Amino acid sequence: MHIIYINSAENDVAKITGDDFKHLQVLRVKVGDQIKVSDKNSYIYIGTIENISKNEAVISLTQKTQIEKKNTTVTLFHALCKSDKNEFVVQKATELGADKVVLFSSENCVVKVNEKSEAKIKRMNKIAHEASMQCGREEPMSVEGVLNFNEAVKELASADLPLFFYEFATDSFTQKLKNSNVYGNISVMIGSEGGFSDKEADIVKNMDVPILSLGKRILRTETAPIVVLSVLMEHCGEF
């Protein structure tokens, strides 16, 4: 069953407009069809399409149940990248079950923080919103940023299980997970096309954050998150 998100409902009725209405049009829903409706935080409903006009769909809401909270949450810290690589990562992180993506700037980032960064975050939240509905998530993934490296590492280190991936690391990612329990909050950090500098790796090391390798091959910045999140979701029992 397809899912749609709402901000609020009155008298057990939700009105869908704007981009979300366009999403329903793409799905070719019709009056009488049932659809899941999520308030994005607390409750999920079974809704019935009651009316479709030119710019709005009206859904009656029934069968209200509470959204089950996950035992483990995963935050991906991903460095700013060229072109649409961050957008691709946001879409795939959404599909793979990450709870949040935080963009940050590091020493070797080709793309720098500028006046367009805020608009970039807004666009990526739209991508995450659409991808969340497409893959049937009860809660949409969020995108935050842009943090500087020190801010990002400080947030990373506050997680129950922080993981920092570095191309010159020798400790195994999978071995680290074998020796770890399923934690309440897992945060992972992946660099840009240029990777991390030695100085940045030293900062992370001094904060006692595990510095890990993804194997013998150097992965692209848009490939590494897919590998890491896939392994984490299997470890957490999501697959």
C-alpha atoms as a PDB file:
ATOM      1  CA  MET A   1       0.000   0.000   0.000  1.00  0.00           C
ATOM      2  CA  HIS A   2       1.322   3.460  -0.911  1.00  0.00           C
ATOM      3  CA  ILE A   3       2.026   6.057   1.787  1.00  0.00           C
ATOM      4  CA  ILE A   4       1.596   9.838   1.983  1.00  0.00           C
ATOM      5  CA  TYR A   5       2.684  12.310   4.678  1.00  0.00           C
ATOM      6  CA  ILE A   6       0.610  14.997   6.374  1.00  0.00           C
ATOM      7  CA  ASN A   7       1.383  17.776   8.843  1.00  0.00           C
ATOM      8  CA  SER A   8      -2.043  17.749  10.474  1.00  0.00           C
ATOM      9  CA  ALA A   9      -5.612  16.505  10.118  1.00  0.00           C
ATOM     10  CA  GLU A  10      -8.974  17.920  11.182  1.00  0.00           C
ATOM     11  CA  ASN A  11     -11.940  15.725  12.092  1.00  0.00           C
ATOM     12  CA  ASP A  12     -10.136  12.649  10.745  1.00  0.00           C
ATOM     13  CA  VAL A  13      -9.791  14.233   7.310  1.00  0.00           C
ATOM     14  CA  ALA A  14      -6.531  15.089   5.517  1.00  0.00           C
ATOM     15  CA  LYS A  15      -6.245  17.385   2.511  1.00  0.00           C
ATOM     16  CA  ILE A  16      -3.323  16.732   0.168  1.00  0.00           C
ATOM     17  CA  THR A  17      -2.069  19.568  -2.044  1.00  0.00           C
ATOM     18  CA  GLY A  18       1.122  20.747  -3.757  1.00  0.00           C
ATOM     19  CA  ASP A  19       3.909  18.297  -4.561  1.00  0.00           C
ATOM     20  CA  ASP A  20       2.338  15.531  -2.469  1.00  0.00           C
ATOM     21  CA  PHE A  21      -0.840  15.825  -4.544  1.00  0.00           C
ATOM     22  CA  LYS A  22       1.300  15.508  -7.683  1.00  0.00           C
ATOM     23  CA  HIS A  23       2.787  12.357  -6.142  1.00  0.00           C
ATOM     24  CA  LEU A  24      -0.727  10.923  -5.784  1.00  0.00           C
ATOM     25  CA  GLN A  25      -1.422  11.792  -9.417  1.00  0.00           C
ATOM     26  CA  VAL A  26       1.695   9.882 -10.479  1.00  0.00           C
ATOM     27  CA  LEU A  27       0.408   6.901  -8.489  1.00  0.00           C
ATOM     28  CA  ARG A  28      -2.897   7.236 -10.380  1.00  0.00           C
ATOM     29  CA  VAL A  29      -4.986   6.823  -7.250  1.00  0.00           C
ATOM     30  CA  LYS A  30      -8.739   7.152  -7.602  1.00  0.00           C
ATOM     31  CA  VAL A  31     -11.712   7.734  -5.331  1.00  0.00           C
ATOM     32  CA  GLY A  32     -12.249   4.731  -3.076  1.00  0.00           C
ATOM     33  CA  ASP A  33      -8.596   3.652  -3.044  1.00  0.00           C
ATOM     34  CA  GLN A  34      -6.947   3.031   0.307  1.00  0.00           C
ATOM     35  CA  ILE A  35      -3.605   4.558   1.249  1.00  0.00           C
ATOM     36  CA  LYS A  36      -1.399   4.776   4.328  1.00  0.00           C
ATOM     37  CA  VAL A  37      -1.163   8.248   5.852  1.00  0.00           C
ATOM     38  CA  SER A  38       1.616   9.223   8.276  1.00  0.00           C
ATOM     39  CA  ASP A  39       1.903  12.320  10.447  1.00  0.00           C
ATOM     40  CA  LYS A  40       5.698  11.753  10.154  1.00  0.00           C
ATOM     41  CA  ASN A  41       6.258  11.352  13.867  1.00  0.00           C
ATOM     42  CA  SER A  42       3.623   9.628  15.985  1.00  0.00           C
ATOM     43  CA  TYR A  43       0.785   7.957  14.113  1.00  0.00           C
ATOM     44  CA  ILE A  44       0.003   6.020  10.960  1.00  0.00           C
ATOM     45  CA  TYR A  45      -3.519   5.800   9.525  1.00  0.00           C
ATOM     46  CA  ILE A  46      -5.317   3.814   6.888  1.00  0.00           C
ATOM     47  CA  GLY A  47      -7.007   6.385   4.675  1.00  0.00           C
ATOM     48  CA  THR A  48      -9.600   6.246   1.927  1.00  0.00           C
ATOM     49  CA  ILE A  49      -9.581   8.685  -1.001  1.00  0.00           C
ATOM     50  CA  GLU A  50     -12.934  10.485  -0.735  1.00  0.00           C
ATOM     51  CA  ASN A  51     -12.538  13.160  -3.389  1.00  0.00           C
ATOM     52  CA  ILE A  52     -10.039  14.286  -6.030  1.00  0.00           C
ATOM     53  CA  SER A  53     -10.257  17.753  -7.573  1.00  0.00           C
ATOM     54  CA  LYS A  54      -7.898  19.650  -9.852  1.00  0.00           C
ATOM     55  CA  ASN A  55      -5.424  20.579  -7.101  1.00  0.00           C
ATOM     56  CA  GLU A  56      -6.435  18.595  -4.020  1.00  0.00           C
ATOM     57  CA  ALA A  57      -7.219  15.142  -2.710  1.00  0.00           C
ATOM     58  CA  VAL A  58      -9.376  14.576   0.378  1.00  0.00           C
ATOM     59  CA  ILE A  59      -8.640  11.488   2.477  1.00  0.00           C
ATOM     60  CA  SER A  60     -10.741  10.162   5.352  1.00  0.00           C
ATOM     61  CA  LEU A  61      -8.591   8.663   8.104  1.00  0.00           C
ATOM     62  CA  THR A  62      -9.320   5.463  10.045  1.00  0.00           C
ATOM     63  CA  GLN A  63      -7.423   2.686  11.864  1.00  0.00           C
ATOM     64  CA  LYS A  64      -5.046   4.961  13.745  1.00  0.00           C
ATOM     65  CA  THR A  65      -1.976   3.162  15.126  1.00  0.00           C
ATOM     66  CA  GLN A  66       1.208   4.432  16.746  1.00  0.00           C
ATOM     67  CA  ILE A  67       4.412   4.419  14.716  1.00  0.00           C
ATOM     68  CA  GLU A  68       6.763   1.842  16.204  1.00  0.00           C
ATOM     69  CA  LYS A  69      10.034   3.441  17.217  1.00  0.00           C
ATOM     70  CA  LYS A  70      13.234   1.773  16.033  1.00  0.00           C
ATOM     71  CA  ASN A  71      15.658   0.295  18.542  1.00  0.00           C
ATOM     72  CA  THR A  72      18.593   1.625  16.536  1.00  0.00           C
ATOM     73  CA  THR A  73      18.924   4.880  14.606  1.00  0.00           C
ATOM     74  CA  VAL A  74      21.570   5.578  11.978  1.00  0.00           C
ATOM     75  CA  THR A  75      22.965   8.994  11.041  1.00  0.00           C
ATOM     76  CA  LEU A  76      25.151   9.411   7.961  1.00  0.00           C
ATOM     77  CA  PHE A  77      27.642  12.291   7.933  1.00  0.00           C
ATOM     78  CA  HIS A  78      28.561  12.847   4.285  1.00  0.00           C
ATOM     79  CA  ALA A  79      31.017  15.440   2.974  1.00  0.00           C
ATOM     80  CA  LEU A  80      30.001  17.965   0.328  1.00  0.00           C
ATOM     81  CA  CYS A  81      30.623  16.607  -3.177  1.00  0.00           C
ATOM     82  CA  LYS A  82      30.605  17.774  -6.769  1.00  0.00           C
ATOM     83  CA  SER A  83      27.637  17.565  -9.116  1.00  0.00           C
ATOM     84  CA  ASP A  84      24.604  15.626  -7.870  1.00  0.00           C
ATOM     85  CA  LYS A  85      26.503  13.015  -5.832  1.00  0.00           C
ATOM     86  CA  ASN A  86      25.084  14.220  -2.504  1.00  0.00           C
ATOM     87  CA  GLU A  87      21.572  14.014  -3.950  1.00  0.00           C
ATOM     88  CA  PHE A  88      22.189  10.440  -5.086  1.00  0.00           C
ATOM     89  CA  VAL A  89      23.490   9.526  -1.622  1.00  0.00           C
ATOM     90  CA  VAL A  90      20.476  11.128   0.081  1.00  0.00           C
ATOM     91  CA  GLN A  91      18.099   9.127  -2.103  1.00  0.00           C
ATOM     92  CA  LYS A  92      19.886   5.822  -1.487  1.00  0.00           C
ATOM     93  CA  ALA A  93      20.357   6.492   2.240  1.00  0.00           C
ATOM     94  CA  THR A  94      16.602   7.027   2.465  1.00  0.00           C
ATOM     95  CA  GLU A  95      15.885   3.724   0.739  1.00  0.00           C
ATOM     96  CA  LEU A  96      18.409   1.875   2.909  1.00  0.00           C
ATOM     97  CA  GLY A  97      16.891   3.087   6.181  1.00  0.00           C
ATOM     98  CA  ALA A  98      19.158   5.869   7.463  1.00  0.00           C
ATOM     99  CA  ASP A  99      17.332   8.219   9.816  1.00  0.00           C
ATOM    100  CA  LYS A 100      19.280  11.364   9.005  1.00  0.00           C
ATOM    101  CA  VAL A 101      21.961  12.658   6.642  1.00  0.00           C
ATOM    102  CA  VAL A 102      24.193  15.490   7.843  1.00  0.00           C
ATOM    103  CA  LEU A 103      26.284  17.293   5.229  1.00  0.00           C
ATOM    104  CA  PHE A 104      29.609  18.793   6.238  1.00  0.00           C
ATOM    105  CA  SER A 105      32.621  20.511   4.727  1.00  0.00           C
ATOM    106  CA  SER A 106      36.156  19.168   5.096  1.00  0.00           C
ATOM    107  CA  GLU A 107      39.642  20.169   4.002  1.00  0.00           C
ATOM    108  CA  ASN A 108      39.630  18.250   0.712  1.00  0.00           C
ATOM    109  CA  CYS A 109      36.091  19.128  -0.372  1.00  0.00           C
ATOM    110  CA  VAL A 110      36.025  20.580  -3.876  1.00  0.00           C
ATOM    111  CA  VAL A 111      32.612  22.113  -3.177  1.00  0.00           C
ATOM    112  CA  LYS A 112      32.669  24.840  -0.540  1.00  0.00           C
ATOM    113  CA  VAL A 113      29.925  26.247   1.666  1.00  0.00           C
ATOM    114  CA  ASN A 114      28.371  29.317   0.034  1.00  0.00           C
ATOM    115  CA  GLU A 115      25.130  31.253  -0.269  1.00  0.00           C
ATOM    116  CA  LYS A 116      23.593  28.355  -2.219  1.00  0.00           C
ATOM    117  CA  SER A 117      24.141  25.805   0.563  1.00  0.00           C
ATOM    118  CA  GLU A 118      20.827  26.520   2.300  1.00  0.00           C
ATOM    119  CA  ALA A 119      18.931  26.004  -0.949  1.00  0.00           C
ATOM    120  CA  LYS A 120      20.867  22.772  -1.488  1.00  0.00           C
ATOM    121  CA  ILE A 121      19.750  21.426   1.893  1.00  0.00           C
ATOM    122  CA  LYS A 122      16.146  22.378   1.105  1.00  0.00           C
ATOM    123  CA  ARG A 123      16.303  20.537  -2.217  1.00  0.00           C
ATOM    124  CA  MET A 124      17.808  17.453  -0.582  1.00  0.00           C
ATOM    125  CA  ASN A 125      15.055  17.360   2.032  1.00  0.00           C
ATOM    126  CA  LYS A 126      12.581  17.357  -0.843  1.00  0.00           C
ATOM    127  CA  ILE A 127      14.457  14.434  -2.420  1.00  0.00           C
ATOM    128  CA  ALA A 128      14.432  12.592   0.923  1.00  0.00           C
ATOM    129  CA  HIS A 129      10.701  13.286   1.338  1.00  0.00           C
ATOM    130  CA  GLU A 130       9.885  11.894  -2.109  1.00  0.00           C
ATOM    131  CA  ALA A 131      12.179   8.884  -1.692  1.00  0.00           C
ATOM    132  CA  SER A 132      10.652   8.148   1.730  1.00  0.00           C
ATOM    133  CA  MET A 133       7.167   7.948   0.224  1.00  0.00           C
ATOM    134  CA  GLN A 134       8.397   5.925  -2.753  1.00  0.00           C
ATOM    135  CA  CYS A 135       9.937   3.238  -0.539  1.00  0.00           C
ATOM    136  CA  GLY A 136       7.082   3.195   1.992  1.00  0.00           C
ATOM    137  CA  ARG A 137       8.795   4.596   5.081  1.00  0.00           C
ATOM    138  CA  GLU A 138       6.462   5.497   7.927  1.00  0.00           C
ATOM    139  CA  GLU A 139       8.765   8.376   8.908  1.00  0.00           C
ATOM    140  CA  PRO A 140      10.632  10.469   6.312  1.00  0.00           C
ATOM    141  CA  MET A 141      14.392  10.844   6.474  1.00  0.00           C
ATOM    142  CA  SER A 142      15.773  14.330   7.163  1.00  0.00           C
ATOM    143  CA  VAL A 143      18.816  16.194   5.823  1.00  0.00           C
ATOM    144  CA  GLU A 144      20.757  18.738   7.891  1.00  0.00           C
ATOM    145  CA  GLY A 145      23.890  20.875   7.503  1.00  0.00           C
ATOM    146  CA  VAL A 146      26.155  22.242   6.349  1.00  0.00           C
ATOM    147  CA  LEU A 147      28.528  21.781   9.330  1.00  0.00           C
ATOM    148  CA  ASN A 148      32.247  22.417   9.388  1.00  0.00           C
ATOM    149  CA  PHE A 149      34.483  19.419  10.058  1.00  0.00           C
ATOM    150  CA  ASN A 150      34.977  20.065  13.782  1.00  0.00           C
ATOM    151  CA  GLU A 151      31.238  20.502  14.354  1.00  0.00           C
ATOM    152  CA  ALA A 152      30.490  17.310  12.448  1.00  0.00           C
ATOM    153  CA  VAL A 153      33.087  15.242  14.319  1.00  0.00           C
ATOM    154  CA  LYS A 154      31.792  16.497  17.660  1.00  0.00           C
ATOM    155  CA  GLU A 155      28.286  15.307  16.750  1.00  0.00           C
ATOM    156  CA  LEU A 156      29.675  12.043  15.380  1.00  0.00           C
ATOM    157  CA  ALA A 157      31.561  11.309  18.601  1.00  0.00           C
ATOM    158  CA  SER A 158      28.410  11.763  20.712  1.00  0.00           C
ATOM    159  CA  ALA A 159      26.785   8.649  19.204  1.00  0.00           C
ATOM    160  CA  ASP A 160      26.651   5.325  21.032  1.00  0.00           C
ATOM    161  CA  LEU A 161      28.678   3.844  18.171  1.00  0.00           C
ATOM    162  CA  PRO A 162      30.585   6.392  16.038  1.00  0.00           C
ATOM    163  CA  LEU A 163      32.393   5.094  12.934  1.00  0.00           C
ATOM    164  CA  PHE A 164      34.871   7.080  10.810  1.00  0.00           C
ATOM    165  CA  PHE A 165      35.931   5.696   7.423  1.00  0.00           C
ATOM    166  CA  TYR A 166      39.411   6.524   6.146  1.00  0.00           C
ATOM    167  CA  GLU A 167      41.183   5.161   3.078  1.00  0.00           C
ATOM    168  CA  PHE A 168      44.452   4.584   4.984  1.00  0.00           C
ATOM    169  CA  ALA A 169      42.827   2.816   7.940  1.00  0.00           C
ATOM    170  CA  THR A 170      43.681  -0.806   8.674  1.00  0.00           C
ATOM    171  CA  ASP A 171      40.979  -1.840  11.159  1.00  0.00           C
ATOM    172  CA  SER A 172      38.123  -3.789   9.561  1.00  0.00           C
ATOM    173  CA  PHE A 173      34.587  -2.370   9.521  1.00  0.00           C
ATOM    174  CA  THR A 174      32.920  -5.784   9.571  1.00  0.00           C
ATOM    175  CA  GLN A 175      35.186  -7.034  12.351  1.00  0.00           C
ATOM    176  CA  LYS A 176      34.294  -3.975  14.418  1.00  0.00           C
ATOM    177  CA  LEU A 177      30.604  -4.801  14.053  1.00  0.00           C
ATOM    178  CA  LYS A 178      31.183  -8.439  15.005  1.00  0.00           C
ATOM    179  CA  ASN A 179      32.663  -7.208  18.271  1.00  0.00           C
ATOM    180  CA  SER A 180      29.840  -4.707  18.889  1.00  0.00           C
ATOM    181  CA  ASN A 181      26.297  -4.978  20.143  1.00  0.00           C
ATOM    182  CA  VAL A 182      23.394  -3.272  18.397  1.00  0.00           C
ATOM    183  CA  TYR A 183      23.571   0.270  19.722  1.00  0.00           C
ATOM    184  CA  GLY A 184      20.847   2.857  20.269  1.00  0.00           C
ATOM    185  CA  ASN A 185      22.464   5.386  17.942  1.00  0.00           C
ATOM    186  CA  ILE A 186      25.026   4.689  15.235  1.00  0.00           C
ATOM    187  CA  SER A 187      26.739   7.515  13.351  1.00  0.00           C
ATOM    188  CA  VAL A 188      29.047   7.065  10.363  1.00  0.00           C
ATOM    189  CA  MET A 189      31.263   9.611   8.597  1.00  0.00           C
ATOM    190  CA  ILE A 190      32.358   9.394   4.957  1.00  0.00           C
ATOM    191  CA  GLY A 191      34.528  11.902   3.104  1.00  0.00           C
ATOM    192  CA  SER A 192      34.344  13.634  -0.264  1.00  0.00           C
ATOM    193  CA  GLU A 193      36.103  12.763  -3.537  1.00  0.00           C
ATOM    194  CA  GLY A 194      39.416  13.877  -2.017  1.00  0.00           C
ATOM    195  CA  GLY A 195      38.995  11.886   1.180  1.00  0.00           C
ATOM    196  CA  PHE A 196      40.138  13.133   4.577  1.00  0.00           C
ATOM    197  CA  SER A 197      43.443  14.824   5.357  1.00  0.00           C
ATOM    198  CA  ASP A 198      45.943  13.341   7.818  1.00  0.00           C
ATOM    199  CA  LYS A 199      45.199  16.264  10.136  1.00  0.00           C
ATOM    200  CA  GLU A 200      41.487  15.440  10.157  1.00  0.00           C
ATOM    201  CA  ALA A 201      42.192  11.762  10.806  1.00  0.00           C
ATOM    202  CA  ASP A 202      44.385  12.753  13.773  1.00  0.00           C
ATOM    203  CA  ILE A 203      41.561  14.887  15.208  1.00  0.00           C
ATOM    204  CA  VAL A 204      39.204  11.906  15.032  1.00  0.00           C
ATOM    205  CA  LYS A 205      41.813   9.575  16.536  1.00  0.00           C
ATOM    206  CA  ASN A 206      42.280  11.918  19.501  1.00  0.00           C
ATOM    207  CA  MET A 207      38.527  11.753  20.146  1.00  0.00           C
ATOM    208  CA  ASP A 208      38.684   7.939  20.474  1.00  0.00           C
ATOM    209  CA  VAL A 209      36.395   7.403  17.487  1.00  0.00           C
ATOM    210  CA  PRO A 210      37.070   4.103  15.646  1.00  0.00           C
ATOM    211  CA  ILE A 211      38.828   4.711  12.310  1.00  0.00           C
ATOM    212  CA  LEU A 212      37.889   1.958   9.888  1.00  0.00           C
ATOM    213  CA  SER A 213      38.624   0.543   6.456  1.00  0.00           C
ATOM    214  CA  LEU A 214      36.162  -0.650   3.814  1.00  0.00           C
ATOM    215  CA  GLY A 215      38.625  -3.126   2.357  1.00  0.00           C
ATOM    216  CA  LYS A 216      41.429  -3.188  -0.177  1.00  0.00           C
ATOM    217  CA  ARG A 217      39.635  -1.149  -2.837  1.00  0.00           C
ATOM    218  CA  ILE A 218      39.037   2.599  -2.583  1.00  0.00           C
ATOM    219  CA  LEU A 219      35.324   3.264  -3.056  1.00  0.00           C
ATOM    220  CA  ARG A 220      33.787   6.350  -4.602  1.00  0.00           C
ATOM    221  CA  THR A 221      32.231   8.839  -2.207  1.00  0.00           C
ATOM    222  CA  GLU A 222      28.761   7.929  -3.507  1.00  0.00           C
ATOM    223  CA  THR A 223      29.432   4.163  -3.305  1.00  0.00           C
ATOM    224  CA  ALA A 224      30.814   3.988   0.235  1.00  0.00           C
ATOM    225  CA  PRO A 225      27.558   5.066   1.972  1.00  0.00           C
ATOM    226  CA  ILE A 226      25.602   2.351   0.154  1.00  0.00           C
ATOM    227  CA  VAL A 227      28.078  -0.302   1.302  1.00  0.00           C
ATOM    228  CA  VAL A 228      28.208   0.974   4.892  1.00  0.00           C
ATOM    229  CA  LEU A 229      24.446   1.355   5.288  1.00  0.00           C
ATOM    230  CA  SER A 230      23.738  -2.042   3.732  1.00  0.00           C
ATOM    231  CA  VAL A 231      26.102  -3.769   6.162  1.00  0.00           C
ATOM    232  CA  LEU A 232      24.694  -1.799   9.112  1.00  0.00           C
ATOM    233  CA  MET A 233      21.090  -2.636   8.256  1.00  0.00           C
ATOM    234  CA  GLU A 234      21.943  -6.332   8.076  1.00  0.00           C
ATOM    235  CA  HIS A 235      23.733  -6.025  11.426  1.00  0.00           C
ATOM    236  CA  CYS A 236      20.665  -4.343  12.954  1.00  0.00           C
ATOM    237  CA  GLY A 237      18.279  -6.980  11.612  1.00  0.00           C
ATOM    238  CA  GLU A 238      16.658  -4.719   9.007  1.00  0.00           C
ATOM    239  CA  PHE A 239      17.301  -7.168   6.148  1.00  0.00           C
END
